[in-house]
């Protein structure tokens, strides 16, 4: 669905319980999520549309749905 669907969100899947937690809920495409070494946050790339650029965001693993831009300068 990459660059075909209108939106993509980041989710966390607990492999033991199969429980899914939504980490993002916003327009645009999000990809390449990585968990921080302390296990408390995720970082991912977000594309908001032309011109072609991606910004770096951070959100916590509990899925509070309030991501923080780390680099959002286009």
PDB file of N, CA and C in Angstrom:
ATOM      1  N   UNK A   1       0.824  -1.193   0.000  1.00  0.00           N
ATOM      2  CA  UNK A   1       0.000   0.000   0.000  1.00  0.00           C
ATOM      3  C   UNK A   1       0.870   1.260   0.000  1.00  0.00           C
ATOM      4  N   UNK A   2       2.184   1.103   0.053  1.00  0.00           N
ATOM      5  CA  UNK A   2       3.076   2.243   0.189  1.00  0.00           C
ATOM      6  C   UNK A   2       2.895   3.204  -0.975  1.00  0.00           C
ATOM      7  N   UNK A   3       2.580   4.458  -0.681  1.00  0.00           N
ATOM      8  CA  UNK A   3       2.347   5.530  -1.645  1.00  0.00           C
ATOM      9  C   UNK A   3       1.148   5.267  -2.550  1.00  0.00           C
ATOM     10  N   UNK A   4       0.331   4.274  -2.254  1.00  0.00           N
ATOM     11  CA  UNK A   4      -0.887   4.025  -3.013  1.00  0.00           C
ATOM     12  C   UNK A   4      -2.092   4.419  -2.175  1.00  0.00           C
ATOM     13  N   UNK A   5      -2.114   4.013  -0.924  1.00  0.00           N
ATOM     14  CA  UNK A   5      -3.199   4.382  -0.015  1.00  0.00           C
ATOM     15  C   UNK A   5      -3.003   5.819   0.448  1.00  0.00           C
ATOM     16  N   UNK A   6      -4.061   6.453   0.870  1.00  0.00           N
ATOM     17  CA  UNK A   6      -3.967   7.832   1.321  1.00  0.00           C
ATOM     18  C   UNK A   6      -3.257   7.990   2.644  1.00  0.00           C
ATOM     19  N   UNK A   7      -3.387   7.038   3.545  1.00  0.00           N
ATOM     20  CA  UNK A   7      -2.790   7.131   4.872  1.00  0.00           C
ATOM     21  C   UNK A   7      -2.214   5.786   5.284  1.00  0.00           C
ATOM     22  N   UNK A   8      -1.170   5.848   6.066  1.00  0.00           N
ATOM     23  CA  UNK A   8      -0.612   4.672   6.719  1.00  0.00           C
ATOM     24  C   UNK A   8      -0.283   5.087   8.138  1.00  0.00           C
ATOM     25  N   UNK A   9      -0.528   4.215   9.092  1.00  0.00           N
ATOM     26  CA  UNK A   9      -0.225   4.504  10.482  1.00  0.00           C
ATOM     27  C   UNK A   9       0.702   3.450  11.051  1.00  0.00           C
ATOM     28  N   UNK A  10       1.359   3.805  12.154  1.00  0.00           N
ATOM     29  CA  UNK A  10       2.276   2.907  12.845  1.00  0.00           C
ATOM     30  C   UNK A  10       1.502   2.214  13.965  1.00  0.00           C
ATOM     31  N   UNK A  11       1.658   0.906  14.057  1.00  0.00           N
ATOM     32  CA  UNK A  11       1.038   0.108  15.112  1.00  0.00           C
ATOM     33  C   UNK A  11       2.101  -0.730  15.805  1.00  0.00           C
ATOM     34  N   UNK A  12       1.830  -1.091  17.039  1.00  0.00           N
ATOM     35  CA  UNK A  12       2.697  -2.014  17.784  1.00  0.00           C
ATOM     36  C   UNK A  12       1.904  -3.300  17.989  1.00  0.00           C
ATOM     37  N   UNK A  13       2.553  -4.432  17.795  1.00  0.00           N
ATOM     38  CA  UNK A  13       1.920  -5.732  17.977  1.00  0.00           C
ATOM     39  C   UNK A  13       2.663  -6.499  19.055  1.00  0.00           C
ATOM     40  N   UNK A  14       1.944  -6.878  20.106  1.00  0.00           N
ATOM     41  CA  UNK A  14       2.509  -7.719  21.157  1.00  0.00           C
ATOM     42  C   UNK A  14       2.456  -9.155  20.647  1.00  0.00           C
ATOM     43  N   UNK A  15       3.599  -9.739  20.411  1.00  0.00           N
ATOM     44  CA  UNK A  15       3.634 -11.074  19.806  1.00  0.00           C
ATOM     45  C   UNK A  15       3.070 -12.150  20.723  1.00  0.00           C
ATOM     46  N   UNK A  16       3.137 -11.964  22.024  1.00  0.00           N
ATOM     47  CA  UNK A  16       2.615 -12.963  22.957  1.00  0.00           C
ATOM     48  C   UNK A  16       1.094 -12.946  23.002  1.00  0.00           C
ATOM     49  N   UNK A  17       0.497 -11.743  23.095  1.00  0.00           N
ATOM     50  CA  UNK A  17      -0.956 -11.648  23.257  1.00  0.00           C
ATOM     51  C   UNK A  17      -1.686 -11.332  21.957  1.00  0.00           C
ATOM     52  N   UNK A  18      -0.935 -10.943  20.933  1.00  0.00           N
ATOM     53  CA  UNK A  18      -1.490 -10.503  19.643  1.00  0.00           C
ATOM     54  C   UNK A  18      -2.269  -9.191  19.776  1.00  0.00           C
ATOM     55  N   UNK A  19      -2.084  -8.464  20.880  1.00  0.00           N
ATOM     56  CA  UNK A  19      -2.746  -7.178  21.084  1.00  0.00           C
ATOM     57  C   UNK A  19      -2.067  -6.117  20.225  1.00  0.00           C
ATOM     58  N   UNK A  20      -2.872  -5.298  19.570  1.00  0.00           N
ATOM     59  CA  UNK A  20      -2.384  -4.246  18.692  1.00  0.00           C
ATOM     60  C   UNK A  20      -2.627  -2.884  19.343  1.00  0.00           C
ATOM     61  N   UNK A  21      -1.602  -2.020  19.301  1.00  0.00           N
ATOM     62  CA  UNK A  21      -1.721  -0.662  19.812  1.00  0.00           C
ATOM     63  C   UNK A  21      -1.388   0.297  18.686  1.00  0.00           C
ATOM     64  N   UNK A  22      -2.300   1.204  18.415  1.00  0.00           N
ATOM     65  CA  UNK A  22      -2.056   2.204  17.376  1.00  0.00           C
ATOM     66  C   UNK A  22      -1.155   3.295  17.948  1.00  0.00           C
ATOM     67  N   UNK A  23      -0.060   3.592  17.250  1.00  0.00           N
ATOM     68  CA  UNK A  23       0.898   4.599  17.694  1.00  0.00           C
ATOM     69  C   UNK A  23       0.634   5.940  17.017  1.00  0.00           C
ATOM     70  N   UNK A  24       0.144   5.916  15.779  1.00  0.00           N
ATOM     71  CA  UNK A  24      -0.162   7.157  15.063  1.00  0.00           C
ATOM     72  C   UNK A  24      -1.599   7.117  14.560  1.00  0.00           C
ATOM     73  N   UNK A  25      -2.163   8.307  14.373  1.00  0.00           N
ATOM     74  CA  UNK A  25      -3.510   8.424  13.817  1.00  0.00           C
ATOM     75  C   UNK A  25      -3.618   9.803  13.178  1.00  0.00           C
ATOM     76  N   UNK A  26      -2.966   9.948  12.038  1.00  0.00           N
ATOM     77  CA  UNK A  26      -2.922  11.248  11.386  1.00  0.00           C
ATOM     78  C   UNK A  26      -2.802  11.057   9.884  1.00  0.00           C
ATOM     79  N   UNK A  27      -3.144  12.104   9.106  1.00  0.00           N
ATOM     80  CA  UNK A  27      -2.992  12.005   7.658  1.00  0.00           C
ATOM     81  C   UNK A  27      -1.527  11.831   7.265  1.00  0.00           C
ATOM     82  N   UNK A  28      -1.335  11.331   6.097  1.00  0.00           N
ATOM     83  CA  UNK A  28       0.016  11.167   5.570  1.00  0.00           C
ATOM     84  C   UNK A  28       0.516   9.742   5.734  1.00  0.00           C
ATOM     85  N   UNK A  29       1.654   9.499   5.133  1.00  0.00           N
ATOM     86  CA  UNK A  29       2.258   8.172   5.158  1.00  0.00           C
ATOM     87  C   UNK A  29       3.331   8.114   6.233  1.00  0.00           C
ATOM     88  N   UNK A  30       3.320   7.085   7.043  1.00  0.00           N
ATOM     89  CA  UNK A  30       4.333   6.864   8.073  1.00  0.00           C
ATOM     90  C   UNK A  30       4.989   5.514   7.814  1.00  0.00           C
ATOM     91  N   UNK A  31       6.325   5.465   7.939  1.00  0.00           N
ATOM     92  CA  UNK A  31       7.017   4.201   7.706  1.00  0.00           C
ATOM     93  C   UNK A  31       8.328   4.177   8.467  1.00  0.00           C
ATOM     94  N   UNK A  32       8.991   3.051   8.434  1.00  0.00           N
ATOM     95  CA  UNK A  32      10.276   2.805   9.095  1.00  0.00           C
ATOM     96  C   UNK A  32      10.254   3.094  10.596  1.00  0.00           C
ATOM     97  N   UNK A  33       9.279   2.541  11.330  1.00  0.00           N
ATOM     98  CA  UNK A  33       9.288   2.780  12.774  1.00  0.00           C
ATOM     99  C   UNK A  33      10.403   1.986  13.456  1.00  0.00           C
ATOM    100  N   UNK A  34      11.042   2.609  14.420  1.00  0.00           N
ATOM    101  CA  UNK A  34      12.075   1.961  15.234  1.00  0.00           C
ATOM    102  C   UNK A  34      11.826   2.287  16.695  1.00  0.00           C
ATOM    103  N   UNK A  35      11.999   1.293  17.553  1.00  0.00           N
ATOM    104  CA  UNK A  35      11.877   1.531  18.980  1.00  0.00           C
ATOM    105  C   UNK A  35      13.189   2.096  19.503  1.00  0.00           C
ATOM    106  N   UNK A  36      13.093   3.077  20.407  1.00  0.00           N
ATOM    107  CA  UNK A  36      14.296   3.652  21.004  1.00  0.00           C
ATOM    108  C   UNK A  36      14.948   2.625  21.929  1.00  0.00           C
ATOM    109  N   UNK A  37      16.251   2.743  22.179  1.00  0.00           N
ATOM    110  CA  UNK A  37      16.952   1.756  23.004  1.00  0.00           C
ATOM    111  C   UNK A  37      16.364   1.566  24.404  1.00  0.00           C
ATOM    112  N   UNK A  38      15.744   2.613  24.967  1.00  0.00           N
ATOM    113  CA  UNK A  38      15.156   2.462  26.300  1.00  0.00           C
ATOM    114  C   UNK A  38      13.778   1.794  26.261  1.00  0.00           C
ATOM    115  N   UNK A  39      13.230   1.541  25.065  1.00  0.00           N
ATOM    116  CA  UNK A  39      11.955   0.852  24.916  1.00  0.00           C
ATOM    117  C   UNK A  39      10.738   1.694  25.232  1.00  0.00           C
ATOM    118  N   UNK A  40      10.892   3.013  25.367  1.00  0.00           N
ATOM    119  CA  UNK A  40       9.776   3.884  25.752  1.00  0.00           C
ATOM    120  C   UNK A  40       9.143   4.637  24.588  1.00  0.00           C
ATOM    121  N   UNK A  41       9.846   4.732  23.473  1.00  0.00           N
ATOM    122  CA  UNK A  41       9.359   5.526  22.346  1.00  0.00           C
ATOM    123  C   UNK A  41       9.635   4.830  21.025  1.00  0.00           C
ATOM    124  N   UNK A  42       8.913   5.300  20.015  1.00  0.00           N
ATOM    125  CA  UNK A  42       9.178   4.926  18.632  1.00  0.00           C
ATOM    126  C   UNK A  42       9.558   6.185  17.882  1.00  0.00           C
ATOM    127  N   UNK A  43      10.345   6.038  16.846  1.00  0.00           N
ATOM    128  CA  UNK A  43      10.593   7.106  15.891  1.00  0.00           C
ATOM    129  C   UNK A  43      10.236   6.555  14.516  1.00  0.00           C
ATOM    130  N   UNK A  44       9.767   7.411  13.628  1.00  0.00           N
ATOM    131  CA  UNK A  44       9.390   6.979  12.286  1.00  0.00           C
ATOM    132  C   UNK A  44       9.477   8.175  11.339  1.00  0.00           C
ATOM    133  N   UNK A  45       9.440   7.866  10.054  1.00  0.00           N
ATOM    134  CA  UNK A  45       9.404   8.893   9.013  1.00  0.00           C
ATOM    135  C   UNK A  45       7.955   9.152   8.634  1.00  0.00           C
ATOM    136  N   UNK A  46       7.651  10.420   8.325  1.00  0.00           N
ATOM    137  CA  UNK A  46       6.291  10.786   7.924  1.00  0.00           C
ATOM    138  C   UNK A  46       6.373  11.663   6.684  1.00  0.00           C
ATOM    139  N   UNK A  47       5.600  11.306   5.674  1.00  0.00           N
ATOM    140  CA  UNK A  47       5.525  12.059   4.427  1.00  0.00           C
ATOM    141  C   UNK A  47       4.152  12.697   4.351  1.00  0.00           C
ATOM    142  N   UNK A  48       4.113  14.008   4.158  1.00  0.00           N
ATOM    143  CA  UNK A  48       2.844  14.740   4.133  1.00  0.00           C
ATOM    144  C   UNK A  48       2.406  15.156   2.750  1.00  0.00           C
ATOM    145  N   UNK A  49       3.171  14.801   1.750  1.00  0.00           N
ATOM    146  CA  UNK A  49       2.805  15.155   0.387  1.00  0.00           C
ATOM    147  C   UNK A  49       3.870  16.011  -0.267  1.00  0.00           C
ATOM    148  N   UNK A  50       3.625  16.396  -1.523  1.00  0.00           N
ATOM    149  CA  UNK A  50       4.614  17.181  -2.252  1.00  0.00           C
ATOM    150  C   UNK A  50       4.902  18.492  -1.542  1.00  0.00           C
ATOM    151  N   UNK A  51       6.076  19.062  -1.664  1.00  0.00           N
ATOM    152  CA  UNK A  51       7.219  18.476  -2.363  1.00  0.00           C
ATOM    153  C   UNK A  51       7.732  17.265  -1.604  1.00  0.00           C
ATOM    154  N   UNK A  52       8.422  16.417  -2.326  1.00  0.00           N
ATOM    155  CA  UNK A  52       8.866  15.162  -1.729  1.00  0.00           C
ATOM    156  C   UNK A  52       9.840  15.409  -0.586  1.00  0.00           C
ATOM    157  N   UNK A  53       9.369  15.178   0.605  1.00  0.00           N
ATOM    158  CA  UNK A  53      10.220  15.260   1.789  1.00  0.00           C
ATOM    159  C   UNK A  53       9.615  14.389   2.883  1.00  0.00           C
ATOM    160  N   UNK A  54      10.438  13.983   3.806  1.00  0.00           N
ATOM    161  CA  UNK A  54       9.980  13.199   4.950  1.00  0.00           C
ATOM    162  C   UNK A  54      10.511  13.845   6.213  1.00  0.00           C
ATOM    163  N   UNK A  55       9.696  13.851   7.243  1.00  0.00           N
ATOM    164  CA  UNK A  55      10.078  14.395   8.533  1.00  0.00           C
ATOM    165  C   UNK A  55      10.189  13.252   9.537  1.00  0.00           C
ATOM    166  N   UNK A  56      10.949  13.466  10.585  1.00  0.00           N
ATOM    167  CA  UNK A  56      11.179  12.459  11.619  1.00  0.00           C
ATOM    168  C   UNK A  56      10.321  12.796  12.833  1.00  0.00           C
ATOM    169  N   UNK A  57       9.548  11.811  13.312  1.00  0.00           N
ATOM    170  CA  UNK A  57       8.657  11.988  14.454  1.00  0.00           C
ATOM    171  C   UNK A  57       8.955  10.971  15.543  1.00  0.00           C
ATOM    172  N   UNK A  58       8.518  11.311  16.769  1.00  0.00           N
ATOM    173  CA  UNK A  58       8.661  10.409  17.913  1.00  0.00           C
ATOM    174  C   UNK A  58       7.316  10.317  18.633  1.00  0.00           C
ATOM    175  N   UNK A  59       6.970   9.102  19.067  1.00  0.00           N
ATOM    176  CA  UNK A  59       5.769   8.876  19.863  1.00  0.00           C
ATOM    177  C   UNK A  59       6.044   7.787  20.873  1.00  0.00           C
ATOM    178  N   UNK A  60       5.250   7.744  21.934  1.00  0.00           N
ATOM    179  CA  UNK A  60       5.530   6.738  22.960  1.00  0.00           C
ATOM    180  C   UNK A  60       4.857   5.405  22.652  1.00  0.00           C
ATOM    181  N   UNK A  61       5.294   4.362  23.327  1.00  0.00           N
ATOM    182  CA  UNK A  61       4.821   3.007  23.032  1.00  0.00           C
ATOM    183  C   UNK A  61       3.412   2.764  23.537  1.00  0.00           C
ATOM    184  N   UNK A  62       2.868   3.646  24.377  1.00  0.00           N
ATOM    185  CA  UNK A  62       1.507   3.451  24.867  1.00  0.00           C
ATOM    186  C   UNK A  62       0.472   3.919  23.871  1.00  0.00           C
ATOM    187  N   UNK A  63       0.913   4.589  22.813  1.00  0.00           N
ATOM    188  CA  UNK A  63      -0.012   5.034  21.774  1.00  0.00           C
ATOM    189  C   UNK A  63      -0.844   6.223  22.195  1.00  0.00           C
ATOM    190  N   UNK A  64      -0.218   7.238  22.812  1.00  0.00           N
ATOM    191  CA  UNK A  64      -0.970   8.422  23.232  1.00  0.00           C
ATOM    192  C   UNK A  64      -1.404   9.285  22.052  1.00  0.00           C
ATOM    193  N   UNK A  65      -0.955   8.948  20.849  1.00  0.00           N
ATOM    194  CA  UNK A  65      -1.376   9.572  19.594  1.00  0.00           C
ATOM    195  C   UNK A  65      -1.020  11.060  19.500  1.00  0.00           C
ATOM    196  N   UNK A  66      -0.025  11.506  20.248  1.00  0.00           N
ATOM    197  CA  UNK A  66       0.469  12.869  20.156  1.00  0.00           C
ATOM    198  C   UNK A  66       1.951  12.849  19.793  1.00  0.00           C
ATOM    199  N   UNK A  67       2.274  12.540  18.535  1.00  0.00           N
ATOM    200  CA  UNK A  67       3.676  12.466  18.153  1.00  0.00           C
ATOM    201  C   UNK A  67       4.355  13.829  18.211  1.00  0.00           C
ATOM    202  N   UNK A  68       5.630  13.797  18.483  1.00  0.00           N
ATOM    203  CA  UNK A  68       6.449  14.995  18.562  1.00  0.00           C
ATOM    204  C   UNK A  68       7.386  15.044  17.364  1.00  0.00           C
ATOM    205  N   UNK A  69       7.361  16.159  16.607  1.00  0.00           N
ATOM    206  CA  UNK A  69       8.316  16.257  15.500  1.00  0.00           C
ATOM    207  C   UNK A  69       9.733  16.425  16.039  1.00  0.00           C
ATOM    208  N   UNK A  70      10.639  15.630  15.523  1.00  0.00           N
ATOM    209  CA  UNK A  70      12.059  15.751  15.868  1.00  0.00           C
ATOM    210  C   UNK A  70      12.743  16.619  14.820  1.00  0.00           C
ATOM    211  N   UNK A  71      12.503  16.279  13.553  1.00  0.00           N
ATOM    212  CA  UNK A  71      12.963  17.094  12.437  1.00  0.00           C
ATOM    213  C   UNK A  71      11.760  17.244  11.506  1.00  0.00           C
ATOM    214  N   UNK A  72      11.190  18.420  11.471  1.00  0.00           N
ATOM    215  CA  UNK A  72      10.005  18.671  10.639  1.00  0.00           C
ATOM    216  C   UNK A  72      10.207  19.967   9.880  1.00  0.00           C
ATOM    217  N   UNK A  73      11.244  19.992   9.086  1.00  0.00           N
ATOM    218  CA  UNK A  73      11.564  21.204   8.350  1.00  0.00           C
ATOM    219  C   UNK A  73      11.364  21.074   6.846  1.00  0.00           C
ATOM    220  N   UNK A  74      10.801  19.928   6.434  1.00  0.00           N
ATOM    221  CA  UNK A  74      10.560  19.736   5.028  1.00  0.00           C
ATOM    222  C   UNK A  74      11.788  19.391   4.255  1.00  0.00           C
TER     223      UNK A  74
END
